[in-house]
PDB file of N, CA and C in Angstrom:
ATOM      1  N   MET A   1      14.901  20.439  -1.555  1.00  0.00           N
ATOM      2  CA  MET A   1      14.563  19.452  -2.556  1.00  0.00           C
ATOM      3  C   MET A   1      13.051  19.223  -2.529  1.00  0.00           C
ATOM      4  N   THR A   2      12.431  19.247  -3.673  1.00  0.00           N
ATOM      5  CA  THR A   2      10.988  19.082  -3.790  1.00  0.00           C
ATOM      6  C   THR A   2      10.664  17.635  -4.141  1.00  0.00           C
ATOM      7  N   GLU A   3       9.700  17.077  -3.425  1.00  0.00           N
ATOM      8  CA  GLU A   3       9.289  15.702  -3.693  1.00  0.00           C
ATOM      9  C   GLU A   3       8.331  15.673  -4.873  1.00  0.00           C
ATOM     10  N   THR A   4       8.526  14.711  -5.764  1.00  0.00           N
ATOM     11  CA  THR A   4       7.633  14.534  -6.900  1.00  0.00           C
ATOM     12  C   THR A   4       6.294  14.012  -6.391  1.00  0.00           C
ATOM     13  N   PRO A   5       5.190  14.614  -6.809  1.00  0.00           N
ATOM     14  CA  PRO A   5       3.890  14.127  -6.339  1.00  0.00           C
ATOM     15  C   PRO A   5       3.619  12.710  -6.835  1.00  0.00           C
ATOM     16  N   ALA A   6       2.902  11.965  -6.018  1.00  0.00           N
ATOM     17  CA  ALA A   6       2.544  10.600  -6.398  1.00  0.00           C
ATOM     18  C   ALA A   6       1.583  10.634  -7.574  1.00  0.00           C
ATOM     19  N   PRO A   7       1.697   9.657  -8.478  1.00  0.00           N
ATOM     20  CA  PRO A   7       0.737   9.606  -9.583  1.00  0.00           C
ATOM     21  C   PRO A   7      -0.649   9.270  -9.047  1.00  0.00           C
ATOM     22  N   PRO A   8      -1.692   9.634  -9.779  1.00  0.00           N
ATOM     23  CA  PRO A   8      -3.043   9.309  -9.309  1.00  0.00           C
ATOM     24  C   PRO A   8      -3.237   7.796  -9.230  1.00  0.00           C
ATOM     25  N   ALA A   9      -3.960   7.372  -8.224  1.00  0.00           N
ATOM     26  CA  ALA A   9      -4.172   5.944  -8.006  1.00  0.00           C
ATOM     27  C   ALA A   9      -5.223   5.391  -8.955  1.00  0.00           C
ATOM     28  N   ASP A  10      -4.949   4.204  -9.480  1.00  0.00           N
ATOM     29  CA  ASP A  10      -5.940   3.469 -10.266  1.00  0.00           C
ATOM     30  C   ASP A  10      -6.875   2.696  -9.335  1.00  0.00           C
ATOM     31  N   ILE A  11      -6.318   2.243  -8.206  1.00  0.00           N
ATOM     32  CA  ILE A  11      -7.059   1.460  -7.214  1.00  0.00           C
ATOM     33  C   ILE A  11      -6.697   1.999  -5.836  1.00  0.00           C
ATOM     34  N   THR A  12      -7.673   2.110  -4.949  1.00  0.00           N
ATOM     35  CA  THR A  12      -7.407   2.455  -3.555  1.00  0.00           C
ATOM     36  C   THR A  12      -7.881   1.301  -2.686  1.00  0.00           C
ATOM     37  N   VAL A  13      -7.009   0.848  -1.802  1.00  0.00           N
ATOM     38  CA  VAL A  13      -7.352  -0.205  -0.854  1.00  0.00           C
ATOM     39  C   VAL A  13      -7.330   0.423   0.535  1.00  0.00           C
ATOM     40  N   ASP A  14      -8.495   0.518   1.158  1.00  0.00           N
ATOM     41  CA  ASP A  14      -8.609   1.145   2.473  1.00  0.00           C
ATOM     42  C   ASP A  14      -8.541   0.079   3.558  1.00  0.00           C
ATOM     43  N   GLY A  15      -7.431   0.077   4.275  1.00  0.00           N
ATOM     44  CA  GLY A  15      -7.241  -0.882   5.358  1.00  0.00           C
ATOM     45  C   GLY A  15      -7.373  -0.247   6.725  1.00  0.00           C
ATOM     46  N   THR A  16      -8.089   0.862   6.799  1.00  0.00           N
ATOM     47  CA  THR A  16      -8.274   1.551   8.075  1.00  0.00           C
ATOM     48  C   THR A  16      -8.884   0.594   9.099  1.00  0.00           C
ATOM     49  N   GLY A  17      -8.204   0.447  10.228  1.00  0.00           N
ATOM     50  CA  GLY A  17      -8.699  -0.410  11.296  1.00  0.00           C
ATOM     51  C   GLY A  17      -8.356  -1.879  11.147  1.00  0.00           C
ATOM     52  N   LEU A  18      -7.719  -2.255  10.044  1.00  0.00           N
ATOM     53  CA  LEU A  18      -7.379  -3.659   9.822  1.00  0.00           C
ATOM     54  C   LEU A  18      -5.952  -3.956  10.253  1.00  0.00           C
ATOM     55  N   LEU A  19      -5.726  -5.163  10.745  1.00  0.00           N
ATOM     56  CA  LEU A  19      -4.364  -5.625  10.956  1.00  0.00           C
ATOM     57  C   LEU A  19      -3.752  -5.913   9.593  1.00  0.00           C
ATOM     58  N   CYS A  20      -2.429  -5.873   9.525  1.00  0.00           N
ATOM     59  CA  CYS A  20      -1.765  -6.037   8.231  1.00  0.00           C
ATOM     60  C   CYS A  20      -2.121  -7.348   7.538  1.00  0.00           C
ATOM     61  N   VAL A  21      -2.267  -8.424   8.297  1.00  0.00           N
ATOM     62  CA  VAL A  21      -2.571  -9.702   7.653  1.00  0.00           C
ATOM     63  C   VAL A  21      -3.881  -9.610   6.869  1.00  0.00           C
ATOM     64  N   THR A  22      -4.884  -8.967   7.436  1.00  0.00           N
ATOM     65  CA  THR A  22      -6.166  -8.806   6.752  1.00  0.00           C
ATOM     66  C   THR A  22      -6.039  -7.825   5.596  1.00  0.00           C
ATOM     67  N   LEU A  23      -5.300  -6.753   5.816  1.00  0.00           N
ATOM     68  CA  LEU A  23      -5.073  -5.772   4.754  1.00  0.00           C
ATOM     69  C   LEU A  23      -4.372  -6.413   3.563  1.00  0.00           C
ATOM     70  N   LEU A  24      -3.353  -7.226   3.810  1.00  0.00           N
ATOM     71  CA  LEU A  24      -2.620  -7.856   2.713  1.00  0.00           C
ATOM     72  C   LEU A  24      -3.489  -8.841   1.942  1.00  0.00           C
ATOM     73  N   LEU A  25      -4.374  -9.545   2.631  1.00  0.00           N
ATOM     74  CA  LEU A  25      -5.309 -10.435   1.929  1.00  0.00           C
ATOM     75  C   LEU A  25      -6.255  -9.625   1.044  1.00  0.00           C
ATOM     76  N   ARG A  26      -6.745  -8.498   1.558  1.00  0.00           N
ATOM     77  CA  ARG A  26      -7.626  -7.624   0.777  1.00  0.00           C
ATOM     78  C   ARG A  26      -6.867  -7.041  -0.418  1.00  0.00           C
ATOM     79  N   LEU A  27      -5.632  -6.615  -0.187  1.00  0.00           N
ATOM     80  CA  LEU A  27      -4.804  -6.057  -1.255  1.00  0.00           C
ATOM     81  C   LEU A  27      -4.552  -7.093  -2.345  1.00  0.00           C
ATOM     82  N   ARG A  28      -4.194  -8.299  -1.944  1.00  0.00           N
ATOM     83  CA  ARG A  28      -3.939  -9.364  -2.923  1.00  0.00           C
ATOM     84  C   ARG A  28      -5.170  -9.629  -3.788  1.00  0.00           C
ATOM     85  N   ALA A  29      -6.340  -9.666  -3.171  1.00  0.00           N
ATOM     86  CA  ALA A  29      -7.573  -9.905  -3.927  1.00  0.00           C
ATOM     87  C   ALA A  29      -7.853  -8.765  -4.907  1.00  0.00           C
ATOM     88  N   ARG A  30      -7.603  -7.518  -4.480  1.00  0.00           N
ATOM     89  CA  ARG A  30      -7.897  -6.356  -5.340  1.00  0.00           C
ATOM     90  C   ARG A  30      -6.960  -6.250  -6.537  1.00  0.00           C
ATOM     91  N   ILE A  31      -5.702  -6.702  -6.390  1.00  0.00           N
ATOM     92  CA  ILE A  31      -4.748  -6.527  -7.489  1.00  0.00           C
ATOM     93  C   ILE A  31      -4.510  -7.798  -8.289  1.00  0.00           C
ATOM     94  N   ALA A  32      -5.264  -8.846  -8.003  1.00  0.00           N
ATOM     95  CA  ALA A  32      -5.037 -10.140  -8.650  1.00  0.00           C
ATOM     96  C   ALA A  32      -5.058 -10.060 -10.172  1.00  0.00           C
ATOM     97  N   ASP A  33      -5.955  -9.305 -10.739  1.00  0.00           N
ATOM     98  CA  ASP A  33      -6.103  -9.263 -12.196  1.00  0.00           C
ATOM     99  C   ASP A  33      -5.736  -7.907 -12.791  1.00  0.00           C
ATOM    100  N   THR A  34      -4.885  -7.152 -12.111  1.00  0.00           N
ATOM    101  CA  THR A  34      -4.522  -5.834 -12.619  1.00  0.00           C
ATOM    102  C   THR A  34      -3.356  -5.922 -13.590  1.00  0.00           C
ATOM    103  N   ALA A  35      -3.299  -4.962 -14.472  1.00  0.00           N
ATOM    104  CA  ALA A  35      -2.217  -4.904 -15.457  1.00  0.00           C
ATOM    105  C   ALA A  35      -0.960  -4.319 -14.820  1.00  0.00           C
ATOM    106  N   ALA A  36       0.174  -4.628 -15.416  1.00  0.00           N
ATOM    107  CA  ALA A  36       1.434  -4.036 -14.974  1.00  0.00           C
ATOM    108  C   ALA A  36       1.331  -2.524 -15.084  1.00  0.00           C
ATOM    109  N   GLY A  37       1.898  -1.830 -14.128  1.00  0.00           N
ATOM    110  CA  GLY A  37       1.862  -0.376 -14.142  1.00  0.00           C
ATOM    111  C   GLY A  37       0.692   0.230 -13.402  1.00  0.00           C
ATOM    112  N   THR A  38      -0.189  -0.605 -12.870  1.00  0.00           N
ATOM    113  CA  THR A  38      -1.325  -0.109 -12.109  1.00  0.00           C
ATOM    114  C   THR A  38      -0.827   0.540 -10.821  1.00  0.00           C
ATOM    115  N   VAL A  39      -1.332   1.717 -10.526  1.00  0.00           N
ATOM    116  CA  VAL A  39      -0.942   2.433  -9.308  1.00  0.00           C
ATOM    117  C   VAL A  39      -1.975   2.146  -8.229  1.00  0.00           C
ATOM    118  N   VAL A  40      -1.503   1.644  -7.093  1.00  0.00           N
ATOM    119  CA  VAL A  40      -2.382   1.281  -5.987  1.00  0.00           C
ATOM    120  C   VAL A  40      -2.052   2.167  -4.788  1.00  0.00           C
ATOM    121  N   HIS A  41      -3.072   2.814  -4.236  1.00  0.00           N
ATOM    122  CA  HIS A  41      -2.929   3.621  -3.026  1.00  0.00           C
ATOM    123  C   HIS A  41      -3.470   2.784  -1.882  1.00  0.00           C
ATOM    124  N   VAL A  42      -2.611   2.518  -0.903  1.00  0.00           N
ATOM    125  CA  VAL A  42      -3.004   1.716   0.252  1.00  0.00           C
ATOM    126  C   VAL A  42      -3.087   2.618   1.474  1.00  0.00           C
ATOM    127  N   ILE A  43      -4.219   2.564   2.160  1.00  0.00           N
ATOM    128  CA  ILE A  43      -4.407   3.299   3.408  1.00  0.00           C
ATOM    129  C   ILE A  43      -4.349   2.272   4.534  1.00  0.00           C
ATOM    130  N   ALA A  44      -3.423   2.473   5.466  1.00  0.00           N
ATOM    131  CA  ALA A  44      -3.250   1.519   6.559  1.00  0.00           C
ATOM    132  C   ALA A  44      -3.083   2.254   7.875  1.00  0.00           C
ATOM    133  N   THR A  45      -3.674   1.697   8.931  1.00  0.00           N
ATOM    134  CA  THR A  45      -3.511   2.274  10.261  1.00  0.00           C
ATOM    135  C   THR A  45      -2.723   1.359  11.189  1.00  0.00           C
ATOM    136  N   ASP A  46      -2.442   0.148  10.767  1.00  0.00           N
ATOM    137  CA  ASP A  46      -1.651  -0.773  11.580  1.00  0.00           C
ATOM    138  C   ASP A  46      -0.219  -0.248  11.667  1.00  0.00           C
ATOM    139  N   PRO A  47       0.335  -0.098  12.872  1.00  0.00           N
ATOM    140  CA  PRO A  47       1.702   0.405  13.009  1.00  0.00           C
ATOM    141  C   PRO A  47       2.750  -0.469  12.318  1.00  0.00           C
ATOM    142  N   ALA A  48       2.427  -1.719  12.020  1.00  0.00           N
ATOM    143  CA  ALA A  48       3.370  -2.606  11.347  1.00  0.00           C
ATOM    144  C   ALA A  48       3.376  -2.414   9.832  1.00  0.00           C
ATOM    145  N   ALA A  49       2.449  -1.657   9.301  1.00  0.00           N
ATOM    146  CA  ALA A  49       2.327  -1.494   7.845  1.00  0.00           C
ATOM    147  C   ALA A  49       3.597  -0.981   7.166  1.00  0.00           C
ATOM    148  N   PRO A  50       4.320  -0.012   7.733  1.00  0.00           N
ATOM    149  CA  PRO A  50       5.533   0.461   7.054  1.00  0.00           C
ATOM    150  C   PRO A  50       6.598  -0.620   6.881  1.00  0.00           C
ATOM    151  N   LEU A  51       6.551  -1.665   7.687  1.00  0.00           N
ATOM    152  CA  LEU A  51       7.471  -2.795   7.528  1.00  0.00           C
ATOM    153  C   LEU A  51       6.848  -3.904   6.692  1.00  0.00           C
ATOM    154  N   ASP A  52       5.588  -4.221   6.979  1.00  0.00           N
ATOM    155  CA  ASP A  52       4.936  -5.358   6.331  1.00  0.00           C
ATOM    156  C   ASP A  52       4.639  -5.140   4.852  1.00  0.00           C
ATOM    157  N   LEU A  53       4.178  -3.961   4.468  1.00  0.00           N
ATOM    158  CA  LEU A  53       3.821  -3.727   3.061  1.00  0.00           C
ATOM    159  C   LEU A  53       5.026  -3.833   2.123  1.00  0.00           C
ATOM    160  N   PRO A  54       6.152  -3.169   2.398  1.00  0.00           N
ATOM    161  CA  PRO A  54       7.305  -3.338   1.506  1.00  0.00           C
ATOM    162  C   PRO A  54       7.820  -4.782   1.482  1.00  0.00           C
ATOM    163  N   ALA A  55       7.781  -5.471   2.632  1.00  0.00           N
ATOM    164  CA  ALA A  55       8.225  -6.868   2.672  1.00  0.00           C
ATOM    165  C   ALA A  55       7.322  -7.741   1.811  1.00  0.00           C
ATOM    166  N   TRP A  56       6.013  -7.518   1.890  1.00  0.00           N
ATOM    167  CA  TRP A  56       5.068  -8.282   1.073  1.00  0.00           C
ATOM    168  C   TRP A  56       5.307  -8.012  -0.410  1.00  0.00           C
ATOM    169  N   CYS A  57       5.526  -6.741  -0.752  1.00  0.00           N
ATOM    170  CA  CYS A  57       5.799  -6.393  -2.153  1.00  0.00           C
ATOM    171  C   CYS A  57       7.052  -7.103  -2.652  1.00  0.00           C
ATOM    172  N   HIS A  58       8.069  -7.165  -1.822  1.00  0.00           N
ATOM    173  CA  HIS A  58       9.308  -7.852  -2.204  1.00  0.00           C
ATOM    174  C   HIS A  58       9.060  -9.350  -2.395  1.00  0.00           C
ATOM    175  N   MET A  59       8.330  -9.965  -1.472  1.00  0.00           N
ATOM    176  CA  MET A  59       8.083 -11.407  -1.541  1.00  0.00           C
ATOM    177  C   MET A  59       7.199 -11.784  -2.719  1.00  0.00           C
ATOM    178  N   THR A  60       6.317 -10.896  -3.146  1.00  0.00           N
ATOM    179  CA  THR A  60       5.403 -11.208  -4.242  1.00  0.00           C
ATOM    180  C   THR A  60       5.856 -10.608  -5.566  1.00  0.00           C
ATOM    181  N   ALA A  61       7.048 -10.023  -5.570  1.00  0.00           N
ATOM    182  CA  ALA A  61       7.618  -9.392  -6.774  1.00  0.00           C
ATOM    183  C   ALA A  61       6.769  -8.223  -7.260  1.00  0.00           C
ATOM    184  N   SER A  62       6.014  -7.618  -6.361  1.00  0.00           N
ATOM    185  CA  SER A  62       5.303  -6.380  -6.679  1.00  0.00           C
ATOM    186  C   SER A  62       6.271  -5.238  -6.413  1.00  0.00           C
ATOM    187  N   LEU A  63       6.284  -4.269  -7.267  1.00  0.00           N
ATOM    188  CA  LEU A  63       7.233  -3.175  -7.117  1.00  0.00           C
ATOM    189  C   LEU A  63       6.603  -2.010  -6.386  1.00  0.00           C
ATOM    190  N   THR A  64       7.368  -1.398  -5.507  1.00  0.00           N
ATOM    191  CA  THR A  64       6.931  -0.162  -4.877  1.00  0.00           C
ATOM    192  C   THR A  64       7.691   0.969  -5.536  1.00  0.00           C
ATOM    193  N   GLN A  65       6.980   1.987  -5.933  1.00  0.00           N
ATOM    194  CA  GLN A  65       7.590   3.103  -6.641  1.00  0.00           C
ATOM    195  C   GLN A  65       8.258   4.067  -5.679  1.00  0.00           C
ATOM    196  N   ARG A  66       7.782   4.107  -4.481  1.00  0.00           N
ATOM    197  CA  ARG A  66       8.347   5.028  -3.500  1.00  0.00           C
ATOM    198  C   ARG A  66       8.213   4.396  -2.123  1.00  0.00           C
ATOM    199  N   PRO A  67       8.963   4.897  -1.153  1.00  0.00           N
ATOM    200  CA  PRO A  67       8.855   4.344   0.202  1.00  0.00           C
ATOM    201  C   PRO A  67       7.451   4.548   0.772  1.00  0.00           C
ATOM    202  N   VAL A  68       7.122   3.713   1.709  1.00  0.00           N
ATOM    203  CA  VAL A  68       5.838   3.850   2.385  1.00  0.00           C
ATOM    204  C   VAL A  68       5.866   5.130   3.211  1.00  0.00           C
ATOM    205  N   THR A  69       4.876   5.968   3.040  1.00  0.00           N
ATOM    206  CA  THR A  69       4.767   7.211   3.801  1.00  0.00           C
ATOM    207  C   THR A  69       3.886   6.960   5.013  1.00  0.00           C
ATOM    208  N   VAL A  70       4.368   7.362   6.155  1.00  0.00           N
ATOM    209  CA  VAL A  70       3.613   7.170   7.387  1.00  0.00           C
ATOM    210  C   VAL A  70       3.167   8.530   7.898  1.00  0.00           C
ATOM    211  N   ARG A  71       1.881   8.656   8.108  1.00  0.00           N
ATOM    212  CA  ARG A  71       1.329   9.879   8.699  1.00  0.00           C
ATOM    213  C   ARG A  71       0.382   9.456   9.813  1.00  0.00           C
ATOM    214  N   TRP A  72       0.641   9.922  11.000  1.00  0.00           N
ATOM    215  CA  TRP A  72      -0.223   9.608  12.135  1.00  0.00           C
ATOM    216  C   TRP A  72      -1.224  10.730  12.311  1.00  0.00           C
ATOM    217  N   LEU A  73      -2.480  10.384  12.365  1.00  0.00           N
ATOM    218  CA  LEU A  73      -3.543  11.363  12.577  1.00  0.00           C
ATOM    219  C   LEU A  73      -4.221  11.060  13.899  1.00  0.00           C
ATOM    220  N   ARG A  74      -4.469  12.077  14.646  1.00  0.00           N
ATOM    221  CA  ARG A  74      -5.136  11.908  15.927  1.00  0.00           C
ATOM    222  C   ARG A  74      -6.549  12.456  15.818  1.00  0.00           C
ATOM    223  N   SER A  75      -7.522  11.685  16.282  1.00  0.00           N
ATOM    224  CA  SER A  75      -8.899  12.183  16.208  1.00  0.00           C
ATOM    225  C   SER A  75      -9.349  12.705  17.547  1.00  0.00           C
TER     226      SER A  75
END
C-alpha cells in the first residue's frame, strides 16, 4: 500500500528543541488568523509531541489530516 504524500505546507512551525507547551503556544500564535484549510507542518523534537499535538488539535477543534509521523534522527 502506497502512502499519499502530504500536501505542501502553507505554514511551517519549527519547534526543534522546544518542550510541547512552548511549541503549542508558538503554534497557536502562528495559526490564530489562518483560513480554514491551511496546511501546517509542525517540526517537534519533544518525545511527548506525538501525544500532545493530536490532543491539542482535538481540544481546540483543529483537524489533523493524518496521524503525527515520528522520525528520530541522531546527530
